Amino acid sequence: QVQLVESGGGLVHPGGSLRLSCAASGSIFSPYGMAWYRQLAGDGRDFVERDFVAHITDSGDTNYVDSVKGRFTISIDKARNTASLQMNNLKPEDSAVYYCNLQNHDDKDYWGQGTQVTVSS
């Protein structure tokens, strides 16, 4: 079993920055990948319809949705099984609940509980 604990959400003004972290623990084996998704709070969609934001493999390969390229950076600390998402130049449309995802070596998916990011003046 794998557990994910997210931290770092909050309220920030447009143009500001936040850093999200996701600490993974449990039976994690390479190759694995970690990702961030987001979902508007209360939109009622099933978790499988959350919007992809960024992904990183345990070898460091990254992928981003076009709307965050150049503003967000995903990184991974393999020694601590922790993924971080540095978010710069935040926009109101980035406001959402951000969820951490880990896809393990056996393709099983795990999710964190979500952390709220609000960008507002």
C-alpha atoms as a PDB file:
ATOM      1  CA  GLN A   1       0.000   0.000   0.000  1.00  0.00           C
ATOM      2  CA  VAL A   2       1.082   3.563  -0.734  1.00  0.00           C
ATOM      3  CA  GLN A   3       0.170   6.736   1.124  1.00  0.00           C
ATOM      4  CA  LEU A   4       0.492  10.264  -0.259  1.00  0.00           C
ATOM      5  CA  VAL A   5       0.479  13.394   1.879  1.00  0.00           C
ATOM      6  CA  GLU A   6       0.282  16.791   0.191  1.00  0.00           C
ATOM      7  CA  SER A   7       1.193  20.164   1.609  1.00  0.00           C
ATOM      8  CA  GLY A   8       1.786  23.735   0.485  1.00  0.00           C
ATOM      9  CA  GLY A   9      -1.535  25.010  -0.782  1.00  0.00           C
ATOM     10  CA  GLY A  10      -2.962  28.371   0.175  1.00  0.00           C
ATOM     11  CA  LEU A  11      -4.129  31.793  -0.938  1.00  0.00           C
ATOM     12  CA  VAL A  12      -1.911  33.928  -3.168  1.00  0.00           C
ATOM     13  CA  HIS A  13      -2.319  37.061  -5.271  1.00  0.00           C
ATOM     14  CA  PRO A  14      -2.118  36.881  -9.057  1.00  0.00           C
ATOM     15  CA  GLY A  15       1.521  36.775 -10.114  1.00  0.00           C
ATOM     16  CA  GLY A  16       2.529  35.136  -6.866  1.00  0.00           C
ATOM     17  CA  SER A  17       4.136  31.752  -6.200  1.00  0.00           C
ATOM     18  CA  LEU A  18       3.387  28.608  -4.243  1.00  0.00           C
ATOM     19  CA  ARG A  19       5.235  25.333  -3.804  1.00  0.00           C
ATOM     20  CA  LEU A  20       3.301  22.106  -3.369  1.00  0.00           C
ATOM     21  CA  SER A  21       4.894  18.973  -1.959  1.00  0.00           C
ATOM     22  CA  CYS A  22       3.777  15.362  -1.998  1.00  0.00           C
ATOM     23  CA  ALA A  23       5.434  12.864   0.320  1.00  0.00           C
ATOM     24  CA  ALA A  24       4.926   9.233  -0.648  1.00  0.00           C
ATOM     25  CA  SER A  25       5.429   6.295   1.690  1.00  0.00           C
ATOM     26  CA  GLY A  26       4.851   2.572   1.561  1.00  0.00           C
ATOM     27  CA  SER A  27       5.696  -0.060  -1.024  1.00  0.00           C
ATOM     28  CA  ILE A  28       7.084   2.037  -3.870  1.00  0.00           C
ATOM     29  CA  PHE A  29       9.265   0.417  -6.509  1.00  0.00           C
ATOM     30  CA  SER A  30      10.888   1.671  -9.683  1.00  0.00           C
ATOM     31  CA  PRO A  31       9.871   2.461 -12.255  1.00  0.00           C
ATOM     32  CA  TYR A  32       7.255   4.827 -10.919  1.00  0.00           C
ATOM     33  CA  GLY A  33       5.974   8.256 -11.759  1.00  0.00           C
ATOM     34  CA  MET A  34       4.422  11.073  -9.794  1.00  0.00           C
ATOM     35  CA  ALA A  35       2.052  13.693 -11.076  1.00  0.00           C
ATOM     36  CA  TRP A  36      -0.167  16.600 -10.135  1.00  0.00           C
ATOM     37  CA  TYR A  37      -3.767  16.963 -11.247  1.00  0.00           C
ATOM     38  CA  ARG A  38      -6.265  19.656 -10.400  1.00  0.00           C
ATOM     39  CA  GLN A  39      -9.990  19.893 -10.078  1.00  0.00           C
ATOM     40  CA  LEU A  40     -12.283  22.799  -9.376  1.00  0.00           C
ATOM     41  CA  ALA A  41     -13.699  22.379  -5.876  1.00  0.00           C
ATOM     42  CA  GLY A  42     -17.236  21.103  -5.901  1.00  0.00           C
ATOM     43  CA  ASP A  43     -17.470  20.416  -9.625  1.00  0.00           C
ATOM     44  CA  GLY A  44     -18.598  16.886  -8.806  1.00  0.00           C
ATOM     45  CA  ARG A  45     -16.538  15.052 -11.368  1.00  0.00           C
ATOM     46  CA  ASP A  46     -15.190  11.620 -10.696  1.00  0.00           C
ATOM     47  CA  PHE A  47     -11.511  11.537  -9.828  1.00  0.00           C
ATOM     48  CA  VAL A  48     -10.611  10.069 -13.201  1.00  0.00           C
ATOM     49  CA  GLU A  49     -11.668  13.333 -14.843  1.00  0.00           C
ATOM     50  CA  ARG A  50      -9.301  15.576 -12.942  1.00  0.00           C
ATOM     51  CA  ASP A  51      -7.211  17.806 -15.164  1.00  0.00           C
ATOM     52  CA  PHE A  52      -3.604  16.822 -15.739  1.00  0.00           C
ATOM     53  CA  VAL A  53      -1.029  19.430 -14.728  1.00  0.00           C
ATOM     54  CA  ALA A  54       2.442  17.866 -14.663  1.00  0.00           C
ATOM     55  CA  HIS A  55       4.184  14.487 -14.458  1.00  0.00           C
ATOM     56  CA  ILE A  56       7.672  13.289 -13.607  1.00  0.00           C
ATOM     57  CA  THR A  57       9.185   9.828 -13.821  1.00  0.00           C
ATOM     58  CA  ASP A  58      11.594   8.557 -11.213  1.00  0.00           C
ATOM     59  CA  SER A  59      14.301   9.008 -13.843  1.00  0.00           C
ATOM     60  CA  GLY A  60      13.452  12.706 -14.089  1.00  0.00           C
ATOM     61  CA  ASP A  61      11.535  12.961 -17.356  1.00  0.00           C
ATOM     62  CA  THR A  62       8.852  15.629 -17.165  1.00  0.00           C
ATOM     63  CA  ASN A  63       5.655  16.528 -18.980  1.00  0.00           C
ATOM     64  CA  TYR A  64       3.337  19.528 -18.547  1.00  0.00           C
ATOM     65  CA  VAL A  65      -0.036  20.702 -19.745  1.00  0.00           C
ATOM     66  CA  ASP A  66       0.472  23.607 -22.145  1.00  0.00           C
ATOM     67  CA  SER A  67      -1.214  26.169 -19.896  1.00  0.00           C
ATOM     68  CA  VAL A  68       1.462  25.841 -17.180  1.00  0.00           C
ATOM     69  CA  LYS A  69       4.596  25.465 -19.298  1.00  0.00           C
ATOM     70  CA  GLY A  70       7.166  28.082 -18.351  1.00  0.00           C
ATOM     71  CA  ARG A  71       5.384  28.816 -15.052  1.00  0.00           C
ATOM     72  CA  PHE A  72       5.296  25.494 -13.165  1.00  0.00           C
ATOM     73  CA  THR A  73       8.195  23.147 -12.469  1.00  0.00           C
ATOM     74  CA  ILE A  74       7.825  19.608 -11.181  1.00  0.00           C
ATOM     75  CA  SER A  75      10.722  17.910  -9.407  1.00  0.00           C
ATOM     76  CA  ILE A  76      11.362  14.696  -7.547  1.00  0.00           C
ATOM     77  CA  ASP A  77      13.542  13.716  -4.592  1.00  0.00           C
ATOM     78  CA  LYS A  78      13.935   9.982  -5.044  1.00  0.00           C
ATOM     79  CA  ALA A  79      15.683   9.500  -1.726  1.00  0.00           C
ATOM     80  CA  ARG A  80      12.589  10.770   0.073  1.00  0.00           C
ATOM     81  CA  ASN A  81       9.967   9.745  -2.546  1.00  0.00           C
ATOM     82  CA  THR A  82       8.786  13.329  -2.596  1.00  0.00           C
ATOM     83  CA  ALA A  83       7.520  15.267  -5.578  1.00  0.00           C
ATOM     84  CA  SER A  84       7.232  19.041  -5.591  1.00  0.00           C
ATOM     85  CA  LEU A  85       5.441  21.476  -7.845  1.00  0.00           C
ATOM     86  CA  GLN A  86       6.860  24.997  -7.948  1.00  0.00           C
ATOM     87  CA  MET A  87       4.166  27.316  -9.258  1.00  0.00           C
ATOM     88  CA  ASN A  88       5.178  30.803 -10.376  1.00  0.00           C
ATOM     89  CA  ASN A  89       3.235  33.650 -11.973  1.00  0.00           C
ATOM     90  CA  LEU A  90      -0.015  32.170 -10.727  1.00  0.00           C
ATOM     91  CA  LYS A  91      -3.253  33.181 -12.406  1.00  0.00           C
ATOM     92  CA  PRO A  92      -6.833  33.111 -11.095  1.00  0.00           C
ATOM     93  CA  GLU A  93      -7.575  30.252 -13.488  1.00  0.00           C
ATOM     94  CA  ASP A  94      -4.995  28.140 -11.631  1.00  0.00           C
ATOM     95  CA  SER A  95      -7.302  28.101  -8.606  1.00  0.00           C
ATOM     96  CA  ALA A  96      -8.330  24.512  -7.865  1.00  0.00           C
ATOM     97  CA  VAL A  97      -7.813  21.593  -5.550  1.00  0.00           C
ATOM     98  CA  TYR A  98      -4.497  20.037  -6.504  1.00  0.00           C
ATOM     99  CA  TYR A  99      -4.112  16.276  -6.158  1.00  0.00           C
ATOM    100  CA  CYS A 100      -0.898  14.290  -6.081  1.00  0.00           C
ATOM    101  CA  ASN A 101      -0.822  11.001  -7.983  1.00  0.00           C
ATOM    102  CA  LEU A 102       1.661   8.146  -7.918  1.00  0.00           C
ATOM    103  CA  GLN A 103       1.655   5.376 -10.481  1.00  0.00           C
ATOM    104  CA  ASN A 104       3.652   2.477  -9.113  1.00  0.00           C
ATOM    105  CA  HIS A 105       5.779  -0.100 -10.963  1.00  0.00           C
ATOM    106  CA  ASP A 106       2.714  -2.369 -11.284  1.00  0.00           C
ATOM    107  CA  ASP A 107       0.622   0.463 -12.823  1.00  0.00           C
ATOM    108  CA  LYS A 108      -1.508   0.857  -9.697  1.00  0.00           C
ATOM    109  CA  ASP A 109      -2.572   4.450  -9.059  1.00  0.00           C
ATOM    110  CA  TYR A 110      -2.637   6.200  -5.705  1.00  0.00           C
ATOM    111  CA  TRP A 111      -4.015   9.633  -4.816  1.00  0.00           C
ATOM    112  CA  GLY A 112      -3.490  12.177  -2.113  1.00  0.00           C
ATOM    113  CA  GLN A 113      -6.275  13.971  -0.291  1.00  0.00           C
ATOM    114  CA  GLY A 114      -5.874  17.224  -2.214  1.00  0.00           C
ATOM    115  CA  THR A 115      -4.707  20.699  -1.290  1.00  0.00           C
ATOM    116  CA  GLN A 116      -6.526  23.929  -2.135  1.00  0.00           C
ATOM    117  CA  VAL A 117      -4.825  26.613  -4.208  1.00  0.00           C
ATOM    118  CA  THR A 118      -6.634  29.936  -4.493  1.00  0.00           C
ATOM    119  CA  VAL A 119      -5.322  32.772  -6.659  1.00  0.00           C
ATOM    120  CA  SER A 120      -7.223  35.963  -5.989  1.00  0.00           C
ATOM    121  CA  SER A 121      -6.663  39.652  -5.482  1.00  0.00           C
END
